[in-house]
Protein backbone atom coordinates (compact mmCIF):
# COMPACT_ATOMS: atom_id res chain seq x y z
CA MET A 1 -61.13 -90.69 -28.58
CA LYS A 2 -63.57 -93.18 -29.95
CA LYS A 3 -63.30 -94.39 -33.50
CA LYS A 4 -66.45 -92.60 -34.84
CA GLU A 5 -65.27 -89.36 -33.53
CA ARG A 6 -61.79 -89.73 -34.68
CA GLN A 7 -62.89 -90.64 -38.21
CA LYS A 8 -65.24 -87.59 -38.12
CA LYS A 9 -62.34 -85.37 -37.38
CA ILE A 10 -60.42 -86.93 -40.26
CA ILE A 11 -63.16 -86.18 -42.67
CA ASP A 12 -63.20 -82.59 -41.34
CA GLU A 13 -59.62 -82.19 -41.82
CA VAL A 14 -59.79 -83.47 -45.17
CA SER A 15 -62.80 -81.25 -46.37
CA ILE A 16 -60.99 -77.96 -44.97
CA ASN A 17 -57.50 -78.75 -46.45
CA ARG A 18 -58.41 -80.75 -49.50
CA LYS A 19 -55.36 -82.99 -48.98
CA ILE A 20 -53.58 -84.10 -45.71
CA SER A 21 -50.95 -86.46 -44.82
CA SER A 22 -51.32 -89.47 -42.59
CA SER A 23 -48.50 -88.18 -40.43
CA LEU A 24 -50.08 -84.79 -39.76
CA LEU A 25 -53.34 -86.51 -38.87
CA SER A 26 -51.57 -88.74 -36.46
CA GLU A 27 -49.95 -85.94 -34.84
CA LYS A 28 -53.31 -83.91 -34.57
CA LEU A 29 -55.26 -86.82 -33.34
CA GLU A 30 -52.57 -88.33 -31.03
CA VAL A 31 -52.94 -91.75 -32.44
CA SER A 32 -50.50 -93.98 -34.56
CA GLU A 33 -50.14 -93.57 -38.23
CA ASP A 34 -51.33 -97.30 -38.60
CA THR A 35 -54.55 -96.43 -37.00
CA ILE A 36 -54.91 -93.37 -39.20
CA ARG A 37 -54.16 -95.47 -42.44
CA ARG A 38 -56.73 -98.12 -41.46
CA ASP A 39 -59.44 -95.18 -40.84
CA ILE A 40 -58.58 -93.62 -44.11
CA HIS A 41 -58.90 -97.09 -45.79
CA GLU A 42 -62.31 -97.57 -44.36
CA LEU A 43 -63.67 -94.12 -45.00
CA ASP A 44 -62.19 -94.52 -48.71
CA GLY A 45 -64.46 -97.53 -49.05
CA LYS A 46 -67.47 -95.56 -47.84
CA GLY A 47 -66.66 -92.83 -50.62
CA LEU A 48 -66.31 -90.16 -47.83
CA LEU A 49 -62.54 -89.38 -48.99
CA THR A 50 -60.00 -90.57 -51.31
CA LYS A 51 -57.08 -92.68 -50.24
CA VAL A 52 -53.67 -91.60 -51.68
CA HIS A 53 -50.05 -92.49 -51.01
CA GLY A 54 -49.30 -90.90 -47.69
CA GLY A 55 -52.71 -89.64 -46.90
CA ALA A 56 -55.98 -88.69 -48.14
CA ILE A 57 -57.73 -86.09 -50.34
CA SER A 58 -61.14 -84.78 -50.79
CA THR A 59 -63.36 -86.89 -53.13
CA ILE A 60 -64.13 -83.78 -55.01
CA GLN A 61 -60.48 -83.08 -55.96
CA LYS A 62 -60.88 -85.60 -58.76
CA LEU A 63 -63.77 -83.75 -60.31
CA TYR A 64 -63.27 -79.96 -59.39
CA HIS A 65 -60.55 -77.76 -58.13
CA TYR A 66 -61.37 -74.46 -56.28
CA ASN A 67 -58.44 -72.13 -55.63
CA GLU A 68 -58.65 -71.64 -51.95
CA ASP A 69 -55.83 -69.22 -51.92
CA VAL A 70 -58.35 -66.70 -53.21
CA ILE A 71 -60.74 -67.11 -50.14
CA TYR A 72 -60.28 -64.01 -48.05
CA ASN A 73 -60.75 -64.26 -44.33
CA ARG A 74 -60.71 -68.01 -44.50
CA ASP A 75 -60.34 -68.60 -40.82
CA ASN A 76 -63.25 -66.13 -40.17
CA LYS A 77 -65.50 -67.86 -42.65
CA ILE A 78 -64.84 -71.36 -41.20
CA GLN A 79 -66.00 -69.72 -37.79
CA ILE A 80 -69.23 -68.51 -39.37
CA ALA A 81 -69.82 -71.87 -41.12
CA GLN A 82 -69.49 -73.70 -37.67
CA LYS A 83 -71.93 -71.45 -36.11
CA ALA A 84 -74.36 -71.76 -38.87
CA ILE A 85 -74.32 -75.44 -38.81
CA SER A 86 -75.94 -75.50 -35.51
CA LEU A 87 -79.14 -74.26 -37.38
CA ILE A 88 -79.36 -77.28 -39.72
CA GLN A 89 -81.67 -80.31 -39.02
CA ASP A 90 -81.93 -83.60 -41.08
CA SER A 91 -84.39 -83.75 -44.01
CA MET A 92 -84.42 -79.84 -44.53
CA ALA A 93 -85.00 -78.22 -47.72
CA ILE A 94 -82.12 -75.56 -48.00
CA ILE A 95 -81.25 -72.80 -50.46
CA MET A 96 -77.67 -71.72 -50.74
CA SER A 97 -76.43 -68.46 -52.52
CA GLY A 98 -72.95 -68.30 -53.94
CA GLY A 99 -69.87 -66.84 -52.19
CA THR A 100 -66.89 -68.29 -50.39
CA THR A 101 -68.47 -68.19 -46.95
CA ASN A 102 -71.28 -70.42 -48.25
CA LEU A 103 -68.79 -72.59 -49.90
CA MET A 104 -66.96 -72.96 -46.58
CA LEU A 105 -70.13 -73.83 -44.96
CA ALA A 106 -70.78 -76.48 -47.72
CA LYS A 107 -67.42 -78.07 -47.01
CA LEU A 108 -68.11 -78.35 -43.31
CA PHE A 109 -71.63 -79.91 -43.41
CA PRO A 110 -71.64 -83.00 -41.47
CA LYS A 111 -71.05 -86.09 -43.74
CA ASP A 112 -74.12 -87.77 -42.36
CA LEU A 113 -76.50 -84.72 -43.05
CA LYS A 114 -79.62 -85.83 -44.93
CA ALA A 115 -80.92 -82.91 -46.89
CA THR A 116 -82.14 -81.37 -50.25
CA ILE A 117 -80.01 -78.33 -51.27
CA TYR A 118 -80.84 -76.01 -54.00
CA THR A 119 -77.97 -73.66 -55.33
CA TYR A 120 -77.25 -71.51 -58.41
CA SER A 121 -73.48 -71.72 -57.34
CA LEU A 122 -71.38 -74.02 -59.35
CA PRO A 123 -68.55 -74.40 -56.93
CA ILE A 124 -70.95 -75.18 -54.04
CA ALA A 125 -72.94 -77.65 -56.08
CA MET A 126 -69.59 -79.43 -56.79
CA GLN A 127 -68.56 -79.28 -53.35
CA LEU A 128 -71.95 -80.92 -52.26
CA THR A 129 -71.30 -84.00 -54.17
CA GLU A 130 -68.65 -84.85 -51.27
CA HIS A 131 -71.96 -85.53 -49.14
CA PRO A 132 -73.47 -88.82 -49.93
CA LEU A 133 -76.74 -88.19 -48.34
CA ILE A 134 -77.49 -84.70 -49.59
CA GLU A 135 -79.47 -84.40 -52.79
CA THR A 136 -78.12 -81.50 -54.55
CA ILE A 137 -80.22 -79.60 -57.16
CA PHE A 138 -78.18 -77.07 -59.30
CA ILE A 139 -80.37 -74.36 -60.69
CA GLY A 140 -79.31 -73.46 -64.31
CA GLY A 141 -79.21 -70.05 -65.86
CA LYS A 142 -76.79 -67.60 -67.42
CA ILE A 143 -73.33 -68.33 -65.81
CA HIS A 144 -71.16 -65.45 -64.45
CA ARG A 145 -67.59 -66.51 -65.22
CA ASN A 146 -66.10 -64.62 -62.45
CA SER A 147 -68.42 -65.63 -59.51
CA MET A 148 -69.47 -68.95 -61.16
CA VAL A 149 -73.16 -68.50 -60.22
CA THR A 150 -76.21 -68.54 -62.54
CA THR A 151 -78.53 -65.62 -62.79
CA GLY A 152 -81.51 -64.62 -64.99
CA ILE A 153 -85.16 -65.12 -65.31
CA ASP A 154 -84.82 -69.05 -65.37
CA VAL A 155 -83.20 -68.92 -61.90
CA ILE A 156 -85.92 -66.60 -60.55
CA GLN A 157 -88.70 -68.67 -61.95
CA TYR A 158 -87.23 -71.92 -60.54
CA LEU A 159 -86.94 -70.40 -57.12
CA SER A 160 -90.59 -69.25 -57.35
CA ASP A 161 -91.80 -72.78 -57.51
CA ILE A 162 -89.97 -74.27 -54.52
CA ARG A 163 -90.43 -73.87 -50.60
CA ALA A 164 -87.33 -74.15 -48.54
CA ASP A 165 -87.05 -74.43 -44.72
CA ILE A 166 -83.88 -72.41 -44.54
CA CYS A 167 -81.95 -70.22 -46.77
CA PHE A 168 -78.20 -69.38 -46.26
CA MET A 169 -77.33 -66.14 -48.06
CA GLY A 170 -73.83 -64.64 -48.33
CA VAL A 171 -73.74 -60.83 -47.54
CA SER A 172 -71.97 -58.42 -49.64
CA ALA A 173 -72.82 -55.43 -47.54
CA LEU A 174 -74.93 -54.75 -44.42
CA ASN A 175 -75.73 -51.50 -42.51
CA ILE A 176 -78.36 -50.13 -40.30
CA GLU A 177 -79.99 -47.72 -42.76
CA GLN A 178 -80.07 -49.72 -45.89
CA GLY A 179 -80.16 -53.21 -44.55
CA ILE A 180 -78.47 -55.79 -47.01
CA THR A 181 -77.32 -54.63 -50.42
CA ASP A 182 -75.27 -56.04 -53.44
CA GLU A 183 -73.12 -54.86 -55.96
CA GLY A 184 -74.96 -56.49 -58.93
CA TYR A 185 -78.51 -56.02 -60.02
CA GLU A 186 -79.15 -59.56 -61.36
CA VAL A 187 -77.84 -61.17 -58.16
CA SER A 188 -79.97 -58.91 -55.98
CA LEU A 189 -83.11 -60.20 -57.84
CA VAL A 190 -82.11 -63.73 -57.42
CA LYS A 191 -81.48 -63.02 -53.71
CA LYS A 192 -85.02 -61.48 -53.28
CA ALA A 193 -86.46 -64.63 -55.03
CA MET A 194 -84.52 -66.79 -52.48
CA ILE A 195 -86.03 -64.73 -49.57
CA LYS A 196 -89.61 -65.30 -50.88
CA ALA A 197 -88.86 -68.89 -51.39
CA SER A 198 -87.71 -69.64 -47.82
CA GLU A 199 -89.12 -69.92 -44.35
CA HIS A 200 -86.02 -68.76 -42.65
CA ILE A 201 -83.22 -66.55 -43.85
CA VAL A 202 -79.68 -66.87 -42.38
CA TYR A 203 -77.45 -64.23 -43.58
CA LEU A 204 -73.62 -64.89 -43.47
CA ALA A 205 -71.71 -61.83 -42.95
CA THR A 206 -67.98 -61.46 -42.29
CA SER A 207 -67.24 -58.46 -39.98
CA ASN A 208 -65.70 -56.47 -42.94
CA LYS A 209 -69.09 -56.52 -44.65
CA LEU A 210 -70.76 -54.62 -41.69
CA ASN A 211 -71.52 -50.99 -42.10
CA GLU A 212 -70.93 -51.10 -45.73
CA LYS A 213 -73.52 -50.17 -48.51
CA LEU A 214 -73.59 -51.09 -52.21
CA ASN A 215 -75.86 -50.13 -55.17
CA PHE A 216 -78.76 -52.54 -55.07
CA ASP A 217 -81.21 -53.46 -52.35
CA VAL A 218 -81.79 -57.08 -51.11
CA CYS A 219 -83.71 -56.52 -47.96
CA SER A 220 -84.27 -54.06 -45.07
CA LEU A 221 -82.96 -54.59 -41.66
CA LYS A 222 -86.43 -55.31 -40.33
CA GLU A 223 -86.97 -58.25 -42.87
CA ILE A 224 -83.75 -59.97 -41.45
CA ASP A 225 -84.30 -63.23 -39.51
CA THR A 226 -80.77 -64.07 -38.43
CA VAL A 227 -77.25 -62.70 -39.10
CA VAL A 228 -74.16 -65.12 -38.43
CA THR A 229 -70.81 -63.28 -38.12
CA ASP A 230 -67.23 -63.98 -36.98
CA LEU A 231 -67.56 -61.75 -34.04
CA ASP A 232 -68.47 -62.46 -30.39
CA LEU A 233 -71.79 -60.92 -29.44
CA ASP A 234 -70.19 -58.49 -27.00
CA ASN A 235 -68.10 -57.05 -29.84
CA PRO A 236 -68.80 -53.17 -29.99
CA LYS A 237 -69.33 -53.43 -33.81
CA LEU A 238 -72.48 -55.40 -33.08
CA LYS A 239 -74.04 -53.11 -30.53
CA GLU A 240 -76.32 -50.91 -32.87
CA TYR A 241 -77.54 -54.14 -34.58
CA ILE A 242 -78.49 -55.73 -31.33
CA LEU A 243 -80.19 -52.42 -30.32
CA ALA A 244 -82.10 -52.44 -33.56
CA GLY A 245 -83.30 -55.92 -32.80
CA VAL A 246 -81.27 -57.85 -35.36
CA ASN A 247 -80.92 -61.61 -34.35
CA LEU A 248 -77.40 -62.26 -34.31
CA LEU A 249 -75.44 -65.60 -33.88
């Protein structure tokens, strides 16, 4: 394995696990601990992770701690994030909604990605500080304490003044009849503003969100550009969406 590829894998492991030991990295990557220690020292110097005794931690660990134990379906969300990354190109303007699937996407962005990212999610904004080439713009407003996202007229007005190449939107519920719905009125309004502000909308939906309905409309099925799920395309659960013309990834 070449040095560049090995160091990228080290960064990915640190991003996913927050903290990882040199011995575990050595085992996973099948190189000596001395090699791993040299890599960690070099990556620490570049600000891509933080060197600690016995291993490395995410640079964001010093600023902000998100309790990943509360992330439901964590492995499924990693799978969705890895699919969604294939849609990203350098120099894009990106909007990201809140939610733990988008948080996982933010964690797994390539460290060399150059982009401008707008978000009203405080955890995602803090996560993006790990990426030295991403310009992060946090959209201020009234903060919901449980979800740590901002809502209100200030957020909607800000979104109305920008144009994004792509929007990554977490899905609370999706079904054939109603399309995408959300449990909160204010969040649904913000999501509608995100749709208007973006050229392409990518909806990130774990399989447990399919065939569900909540109280407030976000968009109809025919307005959907792309849905990324944790399922294979031949999964029977996706058949009716494919027949309806939904673009699935």
